[in-house]
C-alpha atoms as a PDB file:
ATOM      1  CA  UNK A   1      65.534  19.967 -72.531  1.00  0.00           C
ATOM      2  CA  UNK A   2      65.364  20.130 -76.309  1.00  0.00           C
ATOM      3  CA  UNK A   3      62.065  20.822 -78.011  1.00  0.00           C
ATOM      4  CA  UNK A   4      61.436  17.909 -80.347  1.00  0.00           C
ATOM      5  CA  UNK A   5      58.534  19.583 -82.128  1.00  0.00           C
ATOM      6  CA  UNK A   6      56.018  17.322 -80.358  1.00  0.00           C
ATOM      7  CA  UNK A   7      56.530  18.211 -76.709  1.00  0.00           C
ATOM      8  CA  UNK A   8      57.171  21.561 -75.095  1.00  0.00           C
ATOM      9  CA  UNK A   9      57.993  22.919 -71.670  1.00  0.00           C
ATOM     10  CA  UNK A  10      55.717  25.305 -69.850  1.00  0.00           C
ATOM     11  CA  UNK A  11      57.092  27.257 -66.915  1.00  0.00           C
ATOM     12  CA  UNK A  12      55.712  29.036 -63.893  1.00  0.00           C
ATOM     13  CA  UNK A  13      52.918  28.180 -61.450  1.00  0.00           C
ATOM     14  CA  UNK A  14      50.119  30.003 -63.307  1.00  0.00           C
ATOM     15  CA  UNK A  15      50.896  28.496 -66.715  1.00  0.00           C
ATOM     16  CA  UNK A  16      51.348  24.964 -65.353  1.00  0.00           C
ATOM     17  CA  UNK A  17      48.176  25.131 -63.260  1.00  0.00           C
ATOM     18  CA  UNK A  18      46.184  26.418 -66.251  1.00  0.00           C
ATOM     19  CA  UNK A  19      47.524  23.612 -68.460  1.00  0.00           C
ATOM     20  CA  UNK A  20      46.533  21.009 -65.860  1.00  0.00           C
ATOM     21  CA  UNK A  21      43.049  22.532 -65.624  1.00  0.00           C
ATOM     22  CA  UNK A  22      42.366  23.011 -69.345  1.00  0.00           C
ATOM     23  CA  UNK A  23      44.403  20.319 -71.134  1.00  0.00           C
ATOM     24  CA  UNK A  24      45.420  17.752 -68.474  1.00  0.00           C
ATOM     25  CA  UNK A  25      45.555  14.935 -71.022  1.00  0.00           C
ATOM     26  CA  UNK A  26      48.460  16.654 -72.812  1.00  0.00           C
ATOM     27  CA  UNK A  27      50.687  16.957 -69.717  1.00  0.00           C
ATOM     28  CA  UNK A  28      52.910  13.977 -68.945  1.00  0.00           C
ATOM     29  CA  UNK A  29      55.182  15.285 -66.186  1.00  0.00           C
ATOM     30  CA  UNK A  30      55.401  18.126 -63.672  1.00  0.00           C
ATOM     31  CA  UNK A  31      58.610  19.108 -61.899  1.00  0.00           C
ATOM     32  CA  UNK A  32      58.528  21.047 -58.638  1.00  0.00           C
ATOM     33  CA  UNK A  33      61.600  22.463 -56.918  1.00  0.00           C
ATOM     34  CA  UNK A  34      62.305  20.722 -53.616  1.00  0.00           C
ATOM     35  CA  UNK A  35      62.975  24.126 -52.126  1.00  0.00           C
ATOM     36  CA  UNK A  36      59.308  25.104 -52.585  1.00  0.00           C
ATOM     37  CA  UNK A  37      56.724  23.956 -50.083  1.00  0.00           C
ATOM     38  CA  UNK A  38      53.823  26.363 -50.192  1.00  0.00           C
ATOM     39  CA  UNK A  39      50.097  26.340 -50.825  1.00  0.00           C
ATOM     40  CA  UNK A  40      50.366  27.198 -54.521  1.00  0.00           C
ATOM     41  CA  UNK A  41      52.798  24.358 -55.236  1.00  0.00           C
ATOM     42  CA  UNK A  42      50.739  21.905 -53.195  1.00  0.00           C
ATOM     43  CA  UNK A  43      47.708  22.896 -55.270  1.00  0.00           C
ATOM     44  CA  UNK A  44      49.591  22.238 -58.519  1.00  0.00           C
ATOM     45  CA  UNK A  45      50.769  18.860 -57.244  1.00  0.00           C
ATOM     46  CA  UNK A  46      47.172  17.985 -56.312  1.00  0.00           C
ATOM     47  CA  UNK A  47      45.951  18.979 -59.790  1.00  0.00           C
ATOM     48  CA  UNK A  48      48.642  16.843 -61.384  1.00  0.00           C
ATOM     49  CA  UNK A  49      47.914  13.786 -59.262  1.00  0.00           C
ATOM     50  CA  UNK A  50      44.166  14.134 -59.867  1.00  0.00           C
ATOM     51  CA  UNK A  51      44.931  14.057 -63.611  1.00  0.00           C
ATOM     52  CA  UNK A  52      47.292  11.071 -63.143  1.00  0.00           C
ATOM     53  CA  UNK A  53      50.275  13.178 -64.181  1.00  0.00           C
ATOM     54  CA  UNK A  54      53.688  12.209 -62.849  1.00  0.00           C
ATOM     55  CA  UNK A  55      55.093  14.689 -60.301  1.00  0.00           C
ATOM     56  CA  UNK A  56      58.824  14.895 -59.660  1.00  0.00           C
ATOM     57  CA  UNK A  57      60.447  16.955 -56.933  1.00  0.00           C
ATOM     58  CA  UNK A  58      63.939  18.019 -57.960  1.00  0.00           C
ATOM     59  CA  UNK A  59      66.500  20.577 -56.834  1.00  0.00           C
ATOM     60  CA  UNK A  60      65.912  24.033 -58.277  1.00  0.00           C
ATOM     61  CA  UNK A  61      69.277  23.774 -60.042  1.00  0.00           C
ATOM     62  CA  UNK A  62      67.942  20.785 -61.994  1.00  0.00           C
ATOM     63  CA  UNK A  63      64.969  22.852 -63.187  1.00  0.00           C
ATOM     64  CA  UNK A  64      67.374  25.643 -64.143  1.00  0.00           C
ATOM     65  CA  UNK A  65      69.286  23.188 -66.339  1.00  0.00           C
ATOM     66  CA  UNK A  66      66.098  21.878 -67.946  1.00  0.00           C
ATOM     67  CA  UNK A  67      64.821  25.354 -68.780  1.00  0.00           C
ATOM     68  CA  UNK A  68      67.810  27.673 -69.125  1.00  0.00           C
ATOM     69  CA  UNK A  69      66.824  31.324 -69.124  1.00  0.00           C
ATOM     70  CA  UNK A  70      63.220  30.667 -68.064  1.00  0.00           C
ATOM     71  CA  UNK A  71      61.932  32.212 -64.844  1.00  0.00           C
ATOM     72  CA  UNK A  72      60.111  29.045 -63.820  1.00  0.00           C
ATOM     73  CA  UNK A  73      59.593  29.951 -60.124  1.00  0.00           C
ATOM     74  CA  UNK A  74      60.241  26.335 -59.218  1.00  0.00           C
ATOM     75  CA  UNK A  75      57.522  24.784 -61.409  1.00  0.00           C
ATOM     76  CA  UNK A  76      57.873  23.183 -64.863  1.00  0.00           C
ATOM     77  CA  UNK A  77      55.728  20.845 -66.916  1.00  0.00           C
ATOM     78  CA  UNK A  78      56.217  18.903 -70.136  1.00  0.00           C
ATOM     79  CA  UNK A  79      53.322  18.358 -72.478  1.00  0.00           C
ATOM     80  CA  UNK A  80      52.351  17.560 -76.024  1.00  0.00           C
ATOM     81  CA  UNK A  81      51.795  20.676 -78.069  1.00  0.00           C
ATOM     82  CA  UNK A  82      48.196  21.808 -77.965  1.00  0.00           C
ATOM     83  CA  UNK A  83      46.563  22.188 -81.344  1.00  0.00           C
ATOM     84  CA  UNK A  84      45.424  25.756 -81.861  1.00  0.00           C
ATOM     85  CA  UNK A  85      42.093  26.711 -83.487  1.00  0.00           C
ATOM     86  CA  UNK A  86      42.133  26.622 -87.282  1.00  0.00           C
ATOM     87  CA  UNK A  87      41.781  29.821 -89.283  1.00  0.00           C
ATOM     88  CA  UNK A  88      38.928  28.355 -91.325  1.00  0.00           C
ATOM     89  CA  UNK A  89      36.871  27.924 -88.120  1.00  0.00           C
ATOM     90  CA  UNK A  90      37.050  31.612 -87.155  1.00  0.00           C
ATOM     91  CA  UNK A  91      33.747  32.688 -88.737  1.00  0.00           C
ATOM     92  CA  UNK A  92      31.865  29.803 -87.118  1.00  0.00           C
ATOM     93  CA  UNK A  93      33.408  30.702 -83.758  1.00  0.00           C
ATOM     94  CA  UNK A  94      32.300  34.329 -84.114  1.00  0.00           C
ATOM     95  CA  UNK A  95      28.774  33.207 -85.002  1.00  0.00           C
ATOM     96  CA  UNK A  96      28.495  31.410 -81.660  1.00  0.00           C
ATOM     97  CA  UNK A  97      29.206  34.618 -79.722  1.00  0.00           C
ATOM     98  CA  UNK A  98      26.480  37.144 -78.858  1.00  0.00           C
ATOM     99  CA  UNK A  99      28.661  40.265 -78.650  1.00  0.00           C
ATOM    100  CA  UNK A 100      32.169  39.250 -79.741  1.00  0.00           C
ATOM    101  CA  UNK A 101      35.132  41.148 -78.364  1.00  0.00           C
ATOM    102  CA  UNK A 102      38.220  40.280 -80.385  1.00  0.00           C
ATOM    103  CA  UNK A 103      41.828  41.338 -79.965  1.00  0.00           C
ATOM    104  CA  UNK A 104      43.961  41.520 -83.119  1.00  0.00           C
ATOM    105  CA  UNK A 105      47.708  41.793 -82.505  1.00  0.00           C
ATOM    106  CA  UNK A 106      49.964  43.027 -85.292  1.00  0.00           C
ATOM    107  CA  UNK A 107      53.784  43.019 -85.193  1.00  0.00           C
ATOM    108  CA  UNK A 108      54.100  42.002 -81.534  1.00  0.00           C
ATOM    109  CA  UNK A 109      57.690  40.780 -81.595  1.00  0.00           C
ATOM    110  CA  UNK A 110      58.526  40.323 -77.926  1.00  0.00           C
ATOM    111  CA  UNK A 111      57.232  37.155 -76.204  1.00  0.00           C
ATOM    112  CA  UNK A 112      56.842  38.998 -72.887  1.00  0.00           C
ATOM    113  CA  UNK A 113      54.599  41.553 -74.631  1.00  0.00           C
ATOM    114  CA  UNK A 114      52.596  38.787 -76.307  1.00  0.00           C
ATOM    115  CA  UNK A 115      52.019  37.132 -72.945  1.00  0.00           C
ATOM    116  CA  UNK A 116      51.086  40.433 -71.314  1.00  0.00           C
ATOM    117  CA  UNK A 117      48.588  41.144 -74.117  1.00  0.00           C
ATOM    118  CA  UNK A 118      46.962  37.730 -73.623  1.00  0.00           C
ATOM    119  CA  UNK A 119      46.791  38.247 -69.850  1.00  0.00           C
ATOM    120  CA  UNK A 120      45.214  41.699 -70.237  1.00  0.00           C
ATOM    121  CA  UNK A 121      42.847  40.463 -72.948  1.00  0.00           C
ATOM    122  CA  UNK A 122      41.482  37.726 -70.728  1.00  0.00           C
ATOM    123  CA  UNK A 123      41.014  40.188 -67.860  1.00  0.00           C
ATOM    124  CA  UNK A 124      39.141  42.553 -70.221  1.00  0.00           C
ATOM    125  CA  UNK A 125      36.725  39.837 -71.346  1.00  0.00           C
ATOM    126  CA  UNK A 126      38.131  39.252 -74.827  1.00  0.00           C
ATOM    127  CA  UNK A 127      36.672  36.122 -76.441  1.00  0.00           C
ATOM    128  CA  UNK A 128      39.499  35.310 -78.840  1.00  0.00           C
ATOM    129  CA  UNK A 129      42.814  36.647 -80.091  1.00  0.00           C
ATOM    130  CA  UNK A 130      44.057  36.830 -83.669  1.00  0.00           C
ATOM    131  CA  UNK A 131      47.725  37.034 -84.652  1.00  0.00           C
ATOM    132  CA  UNK A 132      49.514  36.852 -88.007  1.00  0.00           C
ATOM    133  CA  UNK A 133      51.170  33.532 -88.733  1.00  0.00           C
ATOM    134  CA  UNK A 134      54.484  35.220 -89.465  1.00  0.00           C
ATOM    135  CA  UNK A 135      56.432  38.264 -88.217  1.00  0.00           C
ATOM    136  CA  UNK A 136      55.397  37.918 -84.586  1.00  0.00           C
ATOM    137  CA  UNK A 137      56.629  36.522 -81.315  1.00  0.00           C
ATOM    138  CA  UNK A 138      55.968  32.785 -80.952  1.00  0.00           C
ATOM    139  CA  UNK A 139      53.698  31.504 -78.218  1.00  0.00           C
ATOM    140  CA  UNK A 140      56.733  30.172 -76.378  1.00  0.00           C
ATOM    141  CA  UNK A 141      57.240  29.164 -72.760  1.00  0.00           C
ATOM    142  CA  UNK A 142      58.301  32.768 -72.081  1.00  0.00           C
ATOM    143  CA  UNK A 143      55.054  34.131 -73.542  1.00  0.00           C
ATOM    144  CA  UNK A 144      52.945  31.511 -71.772  1.00  0.00           C
ATOM    145  CA  UNK A 145      54.545  32.349 -68.422  1.00  0.00           C
ATOM    146  CA  UNK A 146      53.925  36.089 -68.955  1.00  0.00           C
ATOM    147  CA  UNK A 147      50.300  35.298 -69.832  1.00  0.00           C
ATOM    148  CA  UNK A 148      49.745  33.764 -66.359  1.00  0.00           C
ATOM    149  CA  UNK A 149      47.479  31.015 -67.705  1.00  0.00           C
ATOM    150  CA  UNK A 150      45.593  33.095 -70.288  1.00  0.00           C
ATOM    151  CA  UNK A 151      47.516  31.383 -73.113  1.00  0.00           C
ATOM    152  CA  UNK A 152      45.834  28.125 -72.091  1.00  0.00           C
ATOM    153  CA  UNK A 153      42.332  29.536 -71.856  1.00  0.00           C
ATOM    154  CA  UNK A 154      42.021  32.085 -74.680  1.00  0.00           C
ATOM    155  CA  UNK A 155      41.542  30.779 -78.228  1.00  0.00           C
ATOM    156  CA  UNK A 156      44.446  32.041 -80.351  1.00  0.00           C
ATOM    157  CA  UNK A 157      43.944  32.100 -84.123  1.00  0.00           C
ATOM    158  CA  UNK A 158      46.969  32.318 -86.399  1.00  0.00           C
ATOM    159  CA  UNK A 159      46.020  33.789 -89.772  1.00  0.00           C
ATOM    160  CA  UNK A 160      47.902  33.970 -93.059  1.00  0.00           C
ATOM    161  CA  UNK A 161      46.707  37.443 -94.096  1.00  0.00           C
ATOM    162  CA  UNK A 162      45.757  39.985 -91.447  1.00  0.00           C
ATOM    163  CA  UNK A 163      44.158  42.486 -93.854  1.00  0.00           C
ATOM    164  CA  UNK A 164      41.908  39.773 -95.275  1.00  0.00           C
ATOM    165  CA  UNK A 165      40.978  38.647 -91.765  1.00  0.00           C
ATOM    166  CA  UNK A 166      40.014  42.196 -90.790  1.00  0.00           C
ATOM    167  CA  UNK A 167      37.674  42.264 -93.795  1.00  0.00           C
ATOM    168  CA  UNK A 168      36.224  38.957 -92.595  1.00  0.00           C
ATOM    169  CA  UNK A 169      35.618  40.438 -89.152  1.00  0.00           C
ATOM    170  CA  UNK A 170      33.955  43.486 -90.700  1.00  0.00           C
ATOM    171  CA  UNK A 171      31.732  41.269 -92.873  1.00  0.00           C
ATOM    172  CA  UNK A 172      30.775  39.372 -89.702  1.00  0.00           C
ATOM    173  CA  UNK A 173      29.440  42.632 -88.242  1.00  0.00           C
ATOM    174  CA  UNK A 174      32.344  43.682 -86.024  1.00  0.00           C
ATOM    175  CA  UNK A 175      33.551  47.255 -85.732  1.00  0.00           C
ATOM    176  CA  UNK A 176      37.301  47.518 -86.315  1.00  0.00           C
ATOM    177  CA  UNK A 177      38.936  49.876 -83.821  1.00  0.00           C
ATOM    178  CA  UNK A 178      42.633  50.666 -83.987  1.00  0.00           C
ATOM    179  CA  UNK A 179      44.769  51.829 -81.087  1.00  0.00           C
ATOM    180  CA  UNK A 180      47.466  54.463 -81.474  1.00  0.00           C
ATOM    181  CA  UNK A 181      49.778  56.078 -78.931  1.00  0.00           C
ATOM    182  CA  UNK A 182      48.948  59.566 -80.259  1.00  0.00           C
ATOM    183  CA  UNK A 183      45.161  59.093 -80.453  1.00  0.00           C
ATOM    184  CA  UNK A 184      43.159  62.102 -79.189  1.00  0.00           C
ATOM    185  CA  UNK A 185      40.814  59.951 -77.067  1.00  0.00           C
ATOM    186  CA  UNK A 186      41.503  57.267 -74.483  1.00  0.00           C
ATOM    187  CA  UNK A 187      39.738  53.915 -74.460  1.00  0.00           C
ATOM    188  CA  UNK A 188      38.583  54.767 -70.934  1.00  0.00           C
ATOM    189  CA  UNK A 189      36.994  58.036 -72.091  1.00  0.00           C
ATOM    190  CA  UNK A 190      34.824  56.688 -74.887  1.00  0.00           C
ATOM    191  CA  UNK A 191      32.229  53.994 -75.433  1.00  0.00           C
ATOM    192  CA  UNK A 192      33.390  51.881 -78.372  1.00  0.00           C
ATOM    193  CA  UNK A 193      30.766  50.335 -80.646  1.00  0.00           C
ATOM    194  CA  UNK A 194      29.991  46.656 -80.234  1.00  0.00           C
ATOM    195  CA  UNK A 195      30.728  44.011 -81.332  1.00  0.00           C
ATOM    196  CA  UNK A 196      34.352  45.084 -81.599  1.00  0.00           C
ATOM    197  CA  UNK A 197      37.725  43.971 -82.859  1.00  0.00           C
ATOM    198  CA  UNK A 198      40.559  45.922 -81.241  1.00  0.00           C
ATOM    199  CA  UNK A 199      43.695  46.146 -83.362  1.00  0.00           C
ATOM    200  CA  UNK A 200      46.898  46.718 -81.425  1.00  0.00           C
END
């Protein structure tokens, strides 16, 4: 299915379930492979029907044709693109948090890595994620599937200038902590200052 700039496909049980839970009004159709009949799929179908979203059961080969190259695990959904938070609202968002924990991603080019970072960030209690507007992997169906639903739940801010945004975070009282593969100390062996913005 071609992306017309208004709608997009999301693939995989976790991503589809999260979309139905967080933005059900944006989803207009869910496809489930006829070959799947398990508790997880039944739960997704129940979520869709509760939100008055059309559910279609189709052969897995039909889903493969709709989403070539996507590991959909027998579940797809089509929705209107969700509007992301605006960069100019970042400071106000930070002000609403008691001890903000922010993840800043720089030069993450692979959508699987972007999704994995979002999934890990949510598990670690990160409040929001910041990415540069350019020179990064898009938040595509591949990234959303790898995020296992975190892409639907975590606010993702796209910013024009990462260096300027880091100064904004510092002015807002956050400590900026950078990660490096050759760092002498592990995150697990030290107590970072709070509130914190981790730069990866």
